[in-house]
Protein backbone atom coordinates (compact mmCIF):
# COMPACT_ATOMS: atom_id res chain seq x y z
CA MET A 1 -11.04 52.85 -4.66
CA LYS A 2 -7.66 54.72 -3.54
CA VAL A 3 -4.32 54.03 -2.47
CA GLU A 4 -1.45 56.74 -1.86
CA GLN A 5 1.37 56.01 -0.03
CA LEU A 6 2.93 58.82 1.46
CA PHE A 7 6.42 58.90 1.76
CA THR A 8 8.50 61.25 4.14
CA GLY A 9 11.95 61.43 3.18
CA CYS A 10 13.68 62.77 6.61
CA LEU A 11 12.70 59.67 8.62
CA ALA A 12 12.33 56.94 5.61
CA GLU A 13 8.94 56.57 6.72
CA MET A 14 5.48 55.73 4.79
CA ALA A 15 2.01 56.33 5.81
CA TYR A 16 -0.72 54.93 3.79
CA TYR A 17 -3.71 56.83 2.80
CA ILE A 18 -6.69 54.33 1.47
CA GLU A 19 -10.35 55.56 0.32
CA SER A 20 -12.76 53.53 -1.03
CA ASN A 21 -16.72 54.98 -1.96
CA GLY A 22 -17.11 57.83 0.96
CA GLU A 23 -15.01 56.39 3.64
CA ALA A 24 -11.04 56.17 4.31
CA ALA A 25 -8.07 54.47 6.60
CA ILE A 26 -4.88 56.07 7.30
CA ILE A 27 -2.28 53.13 8.02
CA ASP A 28 1.00 54.66 10.38
CA PRO A 29 0.18 58.12 10.70
CA LEU A 30 2.57 60.90 11.32
CA ARG A 31 2.59 63.28 14.13
CA GLU A 32 0.49 66.45 12.30
CA THR A 33 -3.15 65.62 11.30
CA ASP A 34 -4.19 68.24 8.66
CA PRO A 35 -2.86 66.57 5.97
CA TYR A 36 -5.24 62.92 6.34
CA ILE A 37 -7.64 65.64 7.21
CA ARG A 38 -7.41 67.47 3.77
CA MET A 39 -6.82 64.56 1.72
CA ALA A 40 -10.41 63.26 3.07
CA GLN A 41 -11.87 66.29 2.76
CA ALA A 42 -10.79 65.83 -0.92
CA ASP A 43 -12.74 62.74 -1.78
CA LYS A 44 -15.53 63.82 0.39
CA ALA A 45 -14.55 60.71 2.65
CA GLU A 46 -15.05 59.96 6.43
CA ILE A 47 -11.72 58.56 8.12
CA LYS A 48 -13.18 55.23 9.76
CA TYR A 49 -10.11 54.04 10.94
CA ILE A 50 -6.51 54.52 11.50
CA PHE A 51 -3.59 51.48 12.13
CA LEU A 52 -1.23 51.46 13.87
CA THR A 53 1.40 48.75 12.64
CA HIS A 54 3.10 48.65 15.49
CA PHE A 55 4.44 51.25 18.57
CA HIS A 56 6.71 53.12 16.35
CA ALA A 57 9.65 53.69 18.21
CA ASP A 58 11.88 55.92 15.38
CA PHE A 59 8.82 58.73 15.36
CA VAL A 60 5.84 60.15 17.53
CA SER A 61 2.17 58.95 15.49
CA GLY A 62 -1.03 61.23 15.43
CA GLN A 63 -2.90 58.69 15.88
CA TYR A 64 -4.60 59.87 19.00
CA ASP A 65 -5.17 63.55 17.57
CA LEU A 66 -6.36 62.54 14.82
CA ALA A 67 -9.19 59.79 16.21
CA GLN A 68 -9.74 63.25 18.62
CA LYS A 69 -10.26 65.83 15.49
CA THR A 70 -12.11 62.60 13.15
CA GLY A 71 -14.27 59.98 15.67
CA ALA A 72 -11.84 57.90 13.97
CA THR A 73 -11.01 54.16 16.02
CA ILE A 74 -7.66 52.98 16.55
CA ILE A 75 -7.15 49.57 15.73
CA PHE A 76 -3.87 47.77 16.51
CA GLY A 77 -2.67 43.86 16.55
CA PRO A 78 -2.98 41.49 19.62
CA ASN A 79 -0.49 42.37 22.69
CA ALA A 80 -0.91 46.49 22.54
CA LYS A 81 -1.67 48.37 25.66
CA ALA A 82 -2.16 52.23 25.19
CA ASP A 83 -3.56 55.28 27.82
CA TYR A 84 -6.11 56.13 25.42
CA ASP A 85 -8.85 54.23 23.74
CA ILE A 86 -7.89 51.58 20.97
CA TYR A 87 -9.73 48.41 19.22
CA ILE A 88 -7.47 45.55 19.27
CA ALA A 89 -8.42 43.28 16.88
CA LYS A 90 -7.86 39.50 16.46
CA ASP A 91 -5.45 37.88 13.77
CA GLY A 92 -7.22 37.87 10.76
CA GLU A 93 -10.31 39.85 11.51
CA GLU A 94 -11.83 42.11 8.39
CA PHE A 95 -12.63 45.83 8.62
CA PRO A 96 -15.17 46.89 5.62
CA LEU A 97 -14.10 49.62 4.20
CA GLY A 98 -16.70 51.17 1.49
CA GLU A 99 -16.19 48.39 -1.28
CA ILE A 100 -12.94 46.78 0.21
CA SER A 101 -11.45 45.81 3.61
CA LEU A 102 -8.69 45.37 5.20
CA LYS A 103 -7.55 42.04 6.90
CA LEU A 104 -5.28 42.43 9.87
CA LEU A 105 -2.30 39.69 10.08
CA HIS A 106 -0.82 39.36 13.41
CA THR A 107 3.07 39.31 12.39
CA PRO A 108 5.01 40.16 15.60
CA GLY A 109 8.62 39.63 16.24
CA HIS A 110 9.74 43.69 15.74
CA THR A 111 7.60 43.83 18.29
CA MET A 112 5.40 41.72 19.95
CA GLU A 113 1.58 43.82 18.85
CA SER A 114 3.09 44.37 14.98
CA SER A 115 0.65 43.70 12.45
CA SER A 116 0.49 43.78 9.00
CA LEU A 117 -2.94 44.38 6.43
CA VAL A 118 -4.01 42.80 3.71
CA LEU A 119 -6.01 44.73 1.21
CA ILE A 120 -9.13 42.82 -0.11
CA ASP A 121 -10.90 44.93 -3.11
CA LYS A 122 -14.62 43.85 -3.82
CA ASP A 123 -13.85 40.91 -6.33
CA GLY A 124 -12.25 39.07 -3.73
CA ASN A 125 -8.34 39.98 -4.78
CA THR A 126 -5.66 40.49 -2.42
CA PRO A 127 -3.74 43.73 -4.51
CA TYR A 128 -1.80 44.94 -1.83
CA LEU A 129 -0.01 44.07 1.89
CA PHE A 130 0.83 46.89 4.41
CA SER A 131 3.84 44.67 6.24
CA GLY A 132 4.37 47.50 8.65
CA ASP A 133 8.12 46.79 10.15
CA ALA A 134 7.57 43.00 9.90
CA LEU A 135 8.92 42.87 5.93
CA PHE A 136 11.02 45.83 4.28
CA ILE A 137 12.10 46.02 0.89
CA GLY A 138 15.31 44.34 1.05
CA ASP A 139 15.22 43.32 4.63
CA VAL A 140 12.61 42.85 8.16
CA GLY A 141 12.30 44.53 11.18
CA ARG A 142 15.00 44.04 13.56
CA PRO A 143 13.96 42.19 16.65
CA ASP A 144 15.90 44.10 19.68
CA LEU A 145 14.12 47.15 19.81
CA ALA A 146 11.30 45.60 22.05
CA VAL A 147 13.02 43.33 24.16
CA LYS A 148 12.66 42.86 27.76
CA SER A 149 13.34 40.74 30.94
CA ASP A 150 11.92 37.89 29.68
CA LEU A 151 11.66 37.89 25.93
CA THR A 152 15.57 38.07 24.14
CA GLN A 153 16.18 39.25 20.39
CA ALA A 154 16.60 35.92 19.83
CA ASP A 155 12.97 35.19 21.14
CA LEU A 156 11.83 37.89 19.17
CA ALA A 157 13.47 36.57 15.52
CA SER A 158 12.09 33.35 16.05
CA HIS A 159 8.58 34.59 16.45
CA LEU A 160 9.33 36.87 13.41
CA PHE A 161 10.64 33.77 11.60
CA ASP A 162 7.13 32.38 12.30
CA SER A 163 5.16 35.27 11.24
CA LEU A 164 6.95 36.08 7.81
CA ARG A 165 6.68 31.73 7.05
CA ASN A 166 3.36 30.92 8.23
CA LYS A 167 1.66 35.12 7.40
CA ILE A 168 2.91 36.83 5.11
CA MET A 169 5.05 34.32 2.87
CA ASN A 170 1.92 32.50 2.08
CA LEU A 171 0.69 35.10 0.53
CA PRO A 172 -0.01 35.59 -3.36
CA ASP A 173 3.59 36.30 -4.82
CA ASP A 174 2.21 39.12 -6.89
CA ILE A 175 0.90 40.98 -3.68
CA ILE A 176 2.43 44.48 -4.04
CA VAL A 177 4.57 45.04 -0.67
CA TYR A 178 3.83 48.35 0.77
CA PRO A 179 6.47 48.39 4.13
CA ASN A 180 6.70 51.45 6.77
CA HIS A 181 9.67 52.49 6.29
CA GLY A 182 12.40 52.37 3.55
CA ALA A 183 16.63 52.84 3.17
CA GLY A 184 18.19 55.46 6.06
CA SER A 185 15.48 54.23 8.70
CA ALA A 186 17.36 53.11 11.85
CA CYS A 187 14.46 50.08 12.11
CA GLY A 188 16.27 47.64 10.39
CA LYS A 189 19.64 47.28 8.50
CA ASN A 190 19.84 46.73 4.78
CA MET A 191 16.67 48.07 3.35
CA SER A 192 16.58 48.90 -0.22
CA SER A 193 15.84 52.31 -1.35
CA GLU A 194 13.05 50.95 -3.03
CA THR A 195 9.61 52.23 -1.45
CA PHE A 196 7.36 48.83 -2.56
CA ASP A 197 7.69 45.43 -4.67
CA THR A 198 6.22 42.20 -5.13
CA LEU A 199 6.50 39.56 -2.66
CA GLY A 200 7.63 37.18 -5.13
CA ASN A 201 10.93 39.20 -6.02
CA GLN A 202 11.53 39.63 -2.52
CA LYS A 203 11.33 35.45 -2.30
CA LYS A 204 13.89 35.77 -5.05
CA THR A 205 16.10 38.45 -3.64
CA ASN A 206 15.30 39.51 0.12
CA TYR A 207 18.12 37.07 2.62
CA ALA A 208 15.35 37.09 5.31
CA LEU A 209 13.16 35.53 3.08
CA ARG A 210 15.44 32.50 1.54
CA ALA A 211 13.19 29.63 0.81
CA ASP A 212 15.75 26.74 2.80
CA MET A 213 16.97 28.84 5.67
CA THR A 214 16.32 27.10 8.85
CA ARG A 215 15.05 29.42 12.42
CA GLN A 216 18.39 29.23 13.25
CA GLU A 217 20.03 30.32 10.38
CA PHE A 218 17.27 33.02 10.51
CA ILE A 219 17.69 34.39 13.51
CA LYS A 220 21.57 34.70 13.43
CA GLU A 221 21.00 36.39 10.15
CA VAL A 222 18.68 39.19 11.65
CA THR A 223 20.73 39.80 14.93
CA THR A 224 24.11 40.10 13.44
CA GLY A 225 25.08 43.35 12.74
CA LEU A 226 22.94 45.44 14.40
CA LYS A 227 23.82 48.70 15.79
CA THR A 228 23.11 50.28 19.02
CA PRO A 229 19.78 51.85 18.05
CA PRO A 230 19.34 56.08 18.60
CA GLN A 231 18.94 56.72 22.17
CA TYR A 232 15.28 58.56 21.69
CA PHE A 233 13.58 55.53 20.42
CA PRO A 234 12.34 54.23 23.65
CA ASN A 235 10.71 57.84 24.28
CA ASN A 236 9.61 57.91 20.91
CA VAL A 237 7.66 54.49 21.96
CA ARG A 238 6.65 55.29 25.12
CA MET A 239 4.94 58.80 23.74
CA ASN A 240 3.35 56.32 20.98
CA LYS A 241 1.02 54.55 24.16
CA THR A 242 0.68 57.58 26.00
CA ILE A 243 -1.67 61.21 25.57
CA ASN A 244 0.67 63.56 24.69
CA THR A 245 0.36 67.47 24.37
CA SER A 246 -1.66 68.01 21.31
CA ILE A 247 0.08 68.81 18.33
CA ASP A 248 -2.16 72.14 17.45
CA GLU A 249 -0.74 73.23 20.72
CA VAL A 250 2.95 72.50 20.27
CA LEU A 251 2.45 74.34 17.23
CA HIS A 252 0.95 77.20 18.63
CA ARG A 253 4.17 77.51 21.15
CA GLY A 254 7.01 76.75 18.83
CA THR A 255 5.74 78.87 16.16
CA THR A 256 6.15 81.78 18.17
CA PRO A 257 8.54 84.92 16.88
CA LEU A 258 10.59 85.78 18.94
CA ASP A 259 12.37 89.80 18.83
CA ALA A 260 16.34 89.86 18.97
CA ALA A 261 16.36 90.53 22.93
CA THR A 262 14.52 87.79 23.70
CA PHE A 263 16.06 85.41 21.80
CA LYS A 264 19.07 86.44 23.07
CA GLU A 265 17.50 86.53 26.55
CA LEU A 266 16.97 82.84 26.10
CA SER A 267 19.89 82.07 24.14
CA GLU A 268 21.92 82.52 27.58
CA GLN A 269 19.76 80.30 29.75
CA ARG A 270 21.59 77.31 30.71
CA ASP A 271 18.54 75.05 30.17
CA VAL A 272 17.29 76.45 26.53
CA LEU A 273 19.30 75.12 23.38
CA VAL A 274 19.38 77.03 20.31
CA ILE A 275 18.98 75.10 17.32
CA ASP A 276 20.23 76.94 14.01
CA THR A 277 18.31 74.85 10.90
CA ARG A 278 19.59 76.77 7.45
CA SER A 279 21.54 75.34 5.59
CA LYS A 280 25.17 74.57 6.01
CA GLU A 281 26.66 77.23 3.14
CA THR A 282 24.00 79.68 5.01
CA TYR A 283 25.56 78.75 8.52
CA THR A 284 29.25 78.92 7.31
CA LEU A 285 28.88 81.99 5.06
CA GLU A 286 26.88 84.09 7.96
CA GLY A 287 27.77 82.64 11.11
CA THR A 288 25.42 82.07 14.30
CA VAL A 289 24.26 83.14 17.38
CA PRO A 290 26.93 81.77 19.84
CA GLY A 291 26.10 78.46 21.54
CA ALA A 292 24.20 77.32 18.74
CA TRP A 293 23.99 73.50 17.96
CA PHE A 294 23.58 73.27 13.43
CA ILE A 295 21.46 70.82 12.43
CA GLY A 296 20.23 72.11 8.82
CA LEU A 297 16.98 71.17 7.98
CA ASP A 298 17.14 70.01 4.83
CA GLY A 299 19.78 66.89 6.08
CA SER A 300 18.16 64.16 8.42
CA PHE A 301 17.17 67.20 10.17
CA ALA A 302 14.90 64.81 12.37
CA PRO A 303 16.76 61.97 13.02
CA TRP A 304 19.64 64.12 14.28
CA VAL A 305 17.88 65.93 16.62
CA GLY A 306 16.79 62.35 18.39
CA ALA A 307 20.11 61.13 17.91
CA LEU A 308 21.95 64.63 19.64
CA ILE A 309 19.45 66.03 21.86
CA THR A 310 19.39 63.67 24.55
CA ASP A 311 16.22 65.26 26.84
CA ILE A 312 13.35 64.40 25.05
CA ASP A 313 12.11 67.75 26.96
CA GLN A 314 14.46 69.85 26.26
CA LYS A 315 13.72 74.05 25.75
CA ILE A 316 14.96 74.26 22.31
CA ILE A 317 14.58 78.02 20.21
CA PHE A 318 15.81 77.90 16.89
CA ILE A 319 17.15 79.61 13.55
CA ALA A 320 15.27 79.73 10.37
CA GLU A 321 16.88 80.33 6.48
CA ASP A 322 12.69 80.61 5.53
CA GLU A 323 10.26 82.39 8.30
CA THR A 324 8.12 80.61 6.02
CA ARG A 325 9.37 77.14 6.65
CA VAL A 326 8.65 77.71 10.90
CA ASN A 327 5.94 75.65 10.62
CA GLU A 328 7.73 72.67 9.14
CA ILE A 329 10.84 73.33 11.44
CA ALA A 330 8.29 73.06 14.40
CA VAL A 331 6.36 69.86 12.63
CA ARG A 332 9.61 68.14 12.55
CA PHE A 333 10.91 68.98 16.00
CA SER A 334 7.34 67.48 16.61
CA ARG A 335 7.45 64.23 14.56
CA VAL A 336 10.03 62.57 17.02
CA GLY A 337 9.11 64.09 20.26
CA TYR A 338 10.73 67.09 20.93
CA ASP A 339 7.64 69.43 21.92
CA ASN A 340 9.07 71.74 23.73
CA THR A 341 9.99 74.01 20.71
CA LEU A 342 9.45 77.98 22.01
CA GLY A 343 10.05 80.06 19.32
CA TYR A 344 11.88 81.44 16.67
CA LEU A 345 14.43 84.10 15.83
CA PHE A 346 11.98 86.95 14.25
CA GLY A 347 13.82 87.84 11.02
CA GLY A 348 16.35 85.38 11.55
CA MET A 349 20.18 86.23 11.82
CA LYS A 350 20.04 89.76 10.10
CA ASN A 351 18.13 91.15 12.66
CA TRP A 352 20.40 89.57 15.23
CA VAL A 353 23.40 91.27 13.29
CA ASP A 354 21.17 94.45 13.23
CA HIS A 355 20.95 93.94 17.05
CA GLY A 356 24.98 94.54 16.91
CA TYR A 357 24.78 91.05 19.14
CA GLU A 358 28.04 88.73 18.70
CA VAL A 359 28.09 85.93 15.67
CA ASP A 360 29.51 82.85 16.02
CA LYS A 361 31.42 80.98 13.06
CA ILE A 362 32.96 77.72 12.56
CA ASN A 363 36.58 78.48 10.54
CA SER A 364 36.31 75.66 7.79
CA ILE A 365 38.94 75.12 4.21
CA SER A 366 38.69 72.89 1.45
CA ALA A 367 39.42 69.68 0.45
CA ALA A 368 42.59 70.42 -1.10
CA GLN A 369 43.73 72.27 1.67
CA PHE A 370 42.65 69.28 3.91
CA ALA A 371 44.91 66.92 1.90
CA ARG A 372 47.97 69.76 1.58
CA ARG A 373 48.06 69.93 5.21
CA LEU A 374 47.83 66.32 6.01
CA ALA A 375 50.36 65.38 3.90
CA GLU A 376 52.74 68.05 5.15
CA GLY A 377 51.88 66.89 8.85
CA THR A 378 51.13 70.48 9.75
CA MET A 379 47.08 69.61 10.76
CA GLU A 380 47.15 68.43 14.94
CA LYS A 381 43.85 66.58 15.55
CA PRO A 382 41.49 65.36 11.68
CA LEU A 383 38.75 63.52 12.72
CA ASP A 384 36.34 61.12 10.27
CA VAL A 385 32.60 61.59 11.87
CA ARG A 386 31.29 59.06 9.52
CA LYS A 387 29.55 55.70 11.21
CA GLU A 388 31.84 53.39 12.08
CA SER A 389 31.02 50.92 8.94
CA GLU A 390 31.76 54.41 6.49
CA TYR A 391 34.71 54.49 7.88
CA ILE A 392 35.49 50.65 8.23
CA SER A 393 34.44 50.46 4.39
CA GLN A 394 37.17 53.33 3.13
CA HIS A 395 38.97 56.22 4.67
CA ILE A 396 41.54 58.50 4.27
CA ILE A 397 45.21 56.83 6.09
CA GLY A 398 45.95 59.03 8.87
CA VAL A 399 42.28 60.34 10.56
CA GLU A 400 40.55 58.51 13.29
CA ASN A 401 36.91 57.69 13.07
CA PHE A 402 34.98 59.77 15.87
CA PRO A 403 31.35 58.81 14.52
CA LEU A 404 28.91 61.75 14.69
CA ASP A 405 26.45 59.70 16.64
CA PHE A 406 28.86 58.92 19.41
CA ILE A 407 29.68 62.74 20.14
CA HIS A 408 28.57 63.02 23.58
CA SER A 409 29.47 59.64 24.77
CA ASN A 410 33.14 59.78 23.46
CA PHE A 411 33.68 63.54 24.12
CA ALA A 412 36.18 62.98 27.18
CA GLU A 413 38.38 61.87 23.85
CA ILE A 414 38.28 65.70 23.11
CA ASP A 415 41.55 67.66 24.25
CA PRO A 416 40.64 71.53 24.26
CA GLU A 417 43.49 72.47 23.76
CA LYS A 418 44.10 70.89 20.31
CA GLU A 419 43.04 71.92 17.23
CA TYR A 420 40.11 69.69 15.40
CA PHE A 421 39.74 69.35 11.51
CA LEU A 422 36.55 67.19 10.85
CA HIS A 423 35.16 65.69 7.93
CA CYS A 424 31.93 63.43 7.46
CA GLU A 425 30.81 62.66 3.21
CA SER A 426 29.67 65.51 1.66
CA GLY A 427 29.72 68.70 5.00
CA TYR A 428 26.52 67.83 7.05
CA ARG A 429 27.63 66.00 9.99
CA SER A 430 30.74 67.55 9.99
CA LEU A 431 29.53 70.68 10.52
CA VAL A 432 27.11 69.20 13.12
CA ALA A 433 29.90 68.19 15.06
CA ALA A 434 31.81 71.20 15.14
CA SER A 435 29.07 73.01 15.95
CA ILE A 436 28.68 70.98 19.39
CA PHE A 437 32.14 70.87 19.49
CA LYS A 438 32.24 74.93 19.47
CA ALA A 439 29.43 75.11 22.10
CA ASN A 440 31.04 72.82 24.21
CA GLY A 441 34.31 74.89 24.44
CA ILE A 442 36.31 73.57 21.65
CA GLU A 443 37.42 77.09 20.32
CA LYS A 444 39.59 75.50 17.80
CA VAL A 445 37.53 73.19 15.79
CA CYS A 446 37.96 73.61 11.55
CA ASP A 447 35.37 71.70 8.92
CA VAL A 448 36.08 70.34 5.81
CA ARG A 449 34.20 71.76 2.96
CA GLY A 450 32.71 69.03 0.84
CA GLY A 451 34.20 66.64 2.68
CA PHE A 452 34.95 62.76 1.92
CA ASP A 453 33.56 62.76 -1.16
CA ASP A 454 35.85 65.52 -2.54
CA ILE A 455 38.93 64.83 -0.15
CA ILE A 456 39.18 61.47 -2.54
CA GLU A 457 39.46 63.47 -5.23
CA THR A 458 42.71 64.98 -4.20
CA ASP A 459 45.92 62.97 -3.45
CA ALA A 460 45.23 62.18 -0.17
CA PRO A 461 46.34 58.69 0.52
CA VAL A 462 42.90 56.65 0.76
CA SER A 463 42.31 53.12 2.41
CA GLU A 464 41.14 49.64 0.04
CA TYR A 465 37.80 49.76 -0.30
CA VAL A 466 36.22 47.07 1.80
CA CYS A 467 32.63 46.50 0.61
CA PRO A 468 29.67 47.15 3.42
CA THR A 469 27.61 44.38 2.73
CA THR A 470 30.65 42.48 4.52
CA LEU A 471 30.45 44.45 7.40
CA LEU A 472 27.17 43.26 8.63
């Protein structure tokens, strides 16, 4: 028997590959299919089942394409409805896999089709629970992503209370909990950076599993402190219920090399968005194509693409620092449903510059310069683009909060005649924000290199620290 947790840091997502005696199952696969097929081929195994614990909101899953290529059966829990062939499992139904089996537990609450899977080994033991988004390490699934007119988040939370107490908490304390997400995902509010734990330890440490917690206490706990989910979540749920453009077609189109002249022509079209995926250091030093947004590949790329690009069908062309990563970039766009990538700048910015085309740059200053100008009163509009919770926790006195997450809805507050100085925690989000400012005609915008991490090492005045746990 083989059980592998496949962690994708950008999305804080965990898929699972399970193999026994030449048969394999995939739980919650990402959009790309090749990694799972290669794993099965290496084990000389046939992919028999593809389990989705629920219709994911934060990424587009690859179940349909994977089933088309392997003949595997797509399995959901009760209440699931899709535009493609799926098998609707009954609560408690077991699925044989080689010498083991997987038992589906219907665990509604995060969504109504939400399910978990218990692995039963050849000796009848239950060593692993694949809990989907019902139970995380340190948290539980948020109950507000599947709210409908006849179903409130309190209703969903009540269902989740029953699922945890009646289905999951009755399992052996030594069972290993393998969730679908970890810290950094917007599918929960208090997830641990650990990617697995025993159920017994979670009963001791997870606030939502407190043994003496009443239903009403649970509902209040899990519904308090929930932030507005990213705008792309409903689009991803819809895509996970339908048949989408095949991943092979998406990647073939998205990895098209575009010569500088063609790239320039496309970049000047109003319905085409340029995304610069290079490192923040290279982007700042070398400049970019006018109008491009910076969303660096080495940050939380896919979630920021989904949060900031409001049209899921947006035509996108992109700039890569390393052409060996072009396929990876197209994949990462597709993971959150942005399938309309048209290609990349062949030869990168060097090719662009060699053609004599205009280069746009974001001005930047050091943390020390920022602190000095703030003290002198010569800084017109300093803004902190971190999340509200981060800002409340601790911030530079005299600096307003302007969260990147809500930059589009709050942009009416920006005065094009003023000069803005942006910082975040480390310098990634502020550069993203600065690039969007510039693309929207705000010429006087400056990034603070190193962000809050560097600023607090200066003599800039800092607010008193407030423990983030008190903000939930």
